[in-house]
N, C-alpha and C. Protein backbone atom coordinates (compact mmCIF):
# COMPACT_ATOMS: atom_id res chain seq x y z
N UNK A 1 118.64 139.76 113.83
CA UNK A 1 119.15 138.92 112.84
C UNK A 1 118.01 138.02 112.15
N UNK A 2 118.74 138.59 111.10
CA UNK A 2 117.67 137.01 109.18
C UNK A 2 118.73 136.83 109.37
N UNK A 3 117.70 135.36 108.93
CA UNK A 3 118.64 134.04 107.45
C UNK A 3 118.48 135.22 106.82
N UNK A 4 119.49 134.33 105.72
CA UNK A 4 119.71 133.93 103.83
C UNK A 4 117.62 133.71 104.08
N UNK A 5 117.86 133.34 102.77
CA UNK A 5 116.68 132.64 102.37
C UNK A 5 117.07 130.69 102.32
N UNK A 6 116.29 129.53 102.99
CA UNK A 6 116.80 128.32 102.29
C UNK A 6 117.82 127.85 103.00
N UNK A 7 118.22 129.09 104.40
CA UNK A 7 119.26 128.42 105.02
C UNK A 7 118.53 127.62 105.52
N UNK A 8 119.09 126.49 107.16
CA UNK A 8 118.83 126.05 107.85
C UNK A 8 119.70 126.50 109.84
N UNK A 9 118.36 126.81 110.06
CA UNK A 9 118.45 127.70 111.34
C UNK A 9 118.59 126.30 112.68
N UNK A 10 120.07 126.47 113.83
CA UNK A 10 120.77 126.24 114.05
C UNK A 10 119.97 125.04 114.58
N UNK A 11 119.91 123.36 114.75
CA UNK A 11 119.17 122.22 115.56
C UNK A 11 117.61 122.42 114.43
N UNK A 12 117.57 122.95 113.55
CA UNK A 12 116.55 123.20 113.05
C UNK A 12 116.13 122.32 111.09
N UNK A 13 114.98 122.59 110.55
CA UNK A 13 115.19 122.26 109.53
C UNK A 13 114.94 123.48 108.10
N UNK A 14 115.50 123.26 107.47
CA UNK A 14 115.98 124.33 106.26
C UNK A 14 114.20 125.52 105.94
N UNK A 15 114.39 126.08 105.62
CA UNK A 15 114.33 127.92 105.44
C UNK A 15 113.85 128.16 104.86
N UNK A 16 113.11 129.09 103.64
CA UNK A 16 112.27 129.04 103.47
C UNK A 16 112.17 129.06 101.73
N UNK A 17 112.35 129.72 100.41
CA UNK A 17 111.56 128.56 98.97
C UNK A 17 112.54 127.62 99.03
N UNK A 18 112.08 126.35 97.74
CA UNK A 18 112.10 125.15 97.94
C UNK A 18 112.19 125.57 96.37
N UNK A 19 113.17 125.18 95.61
CA UNK A 19 113.55 124.50 94.05
C UNK A 19 113.67 123.16 93.87
N UNK A 20 114.25 123.66 92.25
CA UNK A 20 114.45 122.87 91.53
C UNK A 20 112.80 121.18 91.01
N UNK A 21 112.75 120.24 91.95
CA UNK A 21 111.84 119.58 91.71
C UNK A 21 110.21 119.52 92.74
N UNK A 22 111.29 121.07 94.30
CA UNK A 22 109.81 120.61 94.76
C UNK A 22 109.35 122.25 94.19
N UNK A 23 108.12 122.79 94.90
CA UNK A 23 107.32 124.84 94.81
C UNK A 23 107.17 124.42 96.04
N UNK A 24 107.16 125.66 96.60
CA UNK A 24 106.67 125.97 98.38
C UNK A 24 107.77 126.44 98.78
N UNK A 25 107.89 126.84 99.88
CA UNK A 25 108.55 126.67 101.22
C UNK A 25 109.06 125.78 101.59
N UNK A 26 110.02 125.64 102.81
CA UNK A 26 109.75 124.86 103.61
C UNK A 26 109.66 125.42 105.13
N UNK A 27 109.46 124.30 106.14
CA UNK A 27 109.27 123.25 106.19
C UNK A 27 108.63 122.70 105.36
N UNK A 28 107.88 122.72 104.41
CA UNK A 28 106.84 121.19 103.80
C UNK A 28 106.63 121.90 102.28
N UNK A 29 107.95 121.52 101.69
CA UNK A 29 107.46 121.88 99.78
C UNK A 29 106.73 120.96 99.75
N UNK A 30 106.46 121.04 98.12
CA UNK A 30 106.01 120.46 97.20
C UNK A 30 106.80 119.63 96.50
N UNK A 31 106.53 118.25 96.32
CA UNK A 31 107.41 117.17 95.34
C UNK A 31 106.08 117.92 93.18
N UNK A 32 106.80 118.56 92.41
CA UNK A 32 105.82 119.31 91.57
C UNK A 32 106.18 118.36 89.92
N UNK A 33 107.78 118.03 90.15
CA UNK A 33 107.88 117.10 89.38
C UNK A 33 109.07 115.61 90.12
N UNK A 34 109.59 115.20 88.31
CA UNK A 34 110.47 114.23 89.09
C UNK A 34 111.18 114.38 88.03
N UNK A 35 112.37 114.71 88.32
CA UNK A 35 113.32 114.65 86.89
C UNK A 35 112.74 116.03 85.97
N UNK A 36 112.88 116.58 86.80
CA UNK A 36 111.75 117.89 85.88
C UNK A 36 110.26 117.84 84.87
N UNK A 37 109.75 116.33 85.52
CA UNK A 37 109.14 116.27 84.37
C UNK A 37 107.49 116.44 85.23
N UNK A 38 106.77 117.15 84.82
CA UNK A 38 105.34 116.93 85.07
C UNK A 38 105.03 115.78 86.58
N UNK A 39 104.94 116.26 88.01
CA UNK A 39 104.19 115.45 88.63
C UNK A 39 103.04 115.82 89.07
N UNK A 40 101.13 115.14 88.55
CA UNK A 40 99.84 115.98 89.11
C UNK A 40 99.54 115.06 90.33
N UNK A 41 98.15 116.64 90.54
CA UNK A 41 98.34 116.42 91.50
C UNK A 41 97.19 116.35 92.76
N UNK A 42 97.12 114.81 91.58
CA UNK A 42 95.86 114.19 92.21
C UNK A 42 96.12 113.40 92.92
N UNK A 43 95.17 113.26 93.75
CA UNK A 43 95.39 112.00 94.45
C UNK A 43 95.07 110.96 94.37
N UNK A 44 96.14 110.01 95.21
CA UNK A 44 96.03 108.04 94.47
C UNK A 44 95.05 107.91 95.32
N UNK A 45 94.65 106.63 94.56
CA UNK A 45 93.74 105.69 95.74
C UNK A 45 94.25 104.44 96.31
N UNK A 46 93.58 103.43 97.07
CA UNK A 46 94.75 102.08 97.49
C UNK A 46 94.86 102.11 96.01
N UNK A 47 95.87 100.95 96.01
CA UNK A 47 96.67 100.06 95.66
C UNK A 47 97.06 100.76 93.48
N UNK A 48 97.11 102.42 94.03
CA UNK A 48 97.49 103.09 92.88
C UNK A 48 99.12 103.07 92.69
N UNK A 49 99.63 103.14 91.07
CA UNK A 49 100.82 103.13 90.88
C UNK A 49 101.06 104.81 90.48
N UNK A 50 103.13 105.03 90.91
CA UNK A 50 102.45 106.47 90.23
C UNK A 50 102.94 105.96 88.47
N UNK A 51 102.54 106.51 87.16
CA UNK A 51 103.27 105.82 86.01
C UNK A 51 103.33 107.98 85.55
N UNK A 52 103.94 107.32 84.45
CA UNK A 52 103.42 108.40 82.93
C UNK A 52 102.34 107.85 82.14
N UNK A 53 101.58 108.73 81.56
CA UNK A 53 100.74 109.14 80.88
C UNK A 53 101.55 109.92 79.04
N UNK A 54 102.63 110.70 79.20
CA UNK A 54 103.50 110.70 77.84
C UNK A 54 103.34 112.68 78.56
N UNK A 55 102.64 112.65 79.48
CA UNK A 55 102.46 114.48 79.28
C UNK A 55 103.28 114.79 81.40
N UNK A 56 102.83 113.55 82.21
CA UNK A 56 102.94 113.99 83.31
C UNK A 56 103.16 112.66 84.16
N UNK A 57 103.43 112.33 84.88
CA UNK A 57 103.18 110.89 86.13
C UNK A 57 101.61 111.59 86.58
N UNK A 58 101.44 110.39 86.96
CA UNK A 58 99.61 110.27 87.95
C UNK A 58 99.98 108.98 87.72
N UNK A 59 98.95 109.13 89.56
CA UNK A 59 98.80 107.86 90.13
C UNK A 59 97.46 106.88 88.91
N UNK A 60 97.59 105.62 88.94
CA UNK A 60 96.25 104.71 88.39
C UNK A 60 96.64 103.76 88.53
N UNK A 61 95.24 102.53 88.21
CA UNK A 61 95.46 101.88 88.60
C UNK A 61 96.83 100.36 87.49
N UNK A 62 97.04 100.08 87.69
CA UNK A 62 98.10 98.88 87.16
C UNK A 62 97.86 97.40 86.84
N UNK A 63 96.76 97.50 86.04
CA UNK A 63 96.42 96.02 85.89
C UNK A 63 96.76 94.61 84.82
N UNK A 64 96.68 93.54 85.75
CA UNK A 64 97.44 91.88 85.49
C UNK A 64 98.24 92.07 84.18
N UNK A 65 97.78 92.26 83.09
CA UNK A 65 97.88 92.26 82.35
C UNK A 65 99.17 93.35 82.15
N UNK A 66 98.94 94.06 82.37
CA UNK A 66 100.52 95.41 82.11
C UNK A 66 101.56 94.69 83.43
N UNK A 67 101.30 94.27 84.35
CA UNK A 67 102.59 93.65 85.39
C UNK A 67 102.52 92.41 85.20
N UNK A 68 101.86 91.45 83.97
CA UNK A 68 102.56 89.98 82.98
C UNK A 68 103.27 90.91 82.06
N UNK A 69 103.10 92.19 81.60
CA UNK A 69 103.72 92.21 80.90
C UNK A 69 106.19 93.47 81.33
N UNK A 70 105.69 93.76 82.07
CA UNK A 70 107.00 94.21 83.05
C UNK A 70 107.86 93.50 83.35
N UNK A 71 107.35 91.36 84.14
CA UNK A 71 107.70 90.42 84.26
C UNK A 71 108.54 89.69 83.67
N UNK A 72 107.75 90.03 82.08
CA UNK A 72 108.65 89.32 81.30
C UNK A 72 109.79 89.63 80.37
N UNK A 73 109.68 90.94 80.97
CA UNK A 73 110.94 92.21 80.44
C UNK A 73 111.75 92.60 81.15
N UNK A 74 111.77 92.17 82.68
CA UNK A 74 112.90 92.05 83.72
C UNK A 74 113.50 91.17 85.23
N UNK A 75 111.46 90.15 84.47
CA UNK A 75 112.32 89.28 86.14
C UNK A 75 111.69 89.64 86.88
N UNK A 76 111.56 90.01 86.91
CA UNK A 76 110.88 90.12 87.58
C UNK A 76 108.97 89.47 88.13
N UNK A 77 109.73 89.25 89.79
CA UNK A 77 109.18 88.10 90.44
C UNK A 77 107.29 88.50 91.65
N UNK A 78 106.39 87.74 91.73
CA UNK A 78 105.18 88.39 91.71
C UNK A 78 105.24 87.37 93.20
N UNK A 79 104.39 88.67 93.44
CA UNK A 79 103.70 86.73 95.05
C UNK A 79 102.40 86.86 95.63
N UNK A 80 101.08 86.35 95.07
CA UNK A 80 100.04 87.29 96.28
C UNK A 80 100.64 87.22 98.01
N UNK A 81 100.87 86.56 98.11
CA UNK A 81 101.34 86.53 99.39
C UNK A 81 101.75 88.05 100.61
N UNK A 82 101.29 88.28 101.46
CA UNK A 82 101.18 89.38 102.03
C UNK A 82 103.20 89.54 102.92
N UNK A 83 103.22 90.10 102.20
CA UNK A 83 104.58 91.13 103.72
C UNK A 83 104.50 91.47 104.60
N UNK A 84 105.52 91.07 104.81
CA UNK A 84 106.00 91.44 106.35
C UNK A 84 106.42 93.68 106.80
N UNK A 85 106.46 94.04 107.28
CA UNK A 85 106.63 95.23 107.81
C UNK A 85 108.64 95.64 108.18
N UNK A 86 110.40 95.50 107.51
CA UNK A 86 111.07 94.94 108.02
C UNK A 86 111.03 95.87 109.66
N UNK A 87 112.46 94.87 109.46
CA UNK A 87 113.03 94.81 111.60
C UNK A 87 113.23 95.59 111.11
């Protein structure tokens, strides 16, 4: 017996082709888009953020001046103290 494409085997993860913003097949699809906008395949470095470049979302460094601009517009507060893991 075969299962239809995209089905979920009893007690397991989905199998078959992914769709929407995902490409590839289950059980290991890849995110290729966010809300139908391209996502770069470049690997991020430590402290990179995912930012819109005008053509795709890509990892890049967020500089202090940019962060200050965001905090003025959103009332975001920042701290240099390390965060502890959630319990």
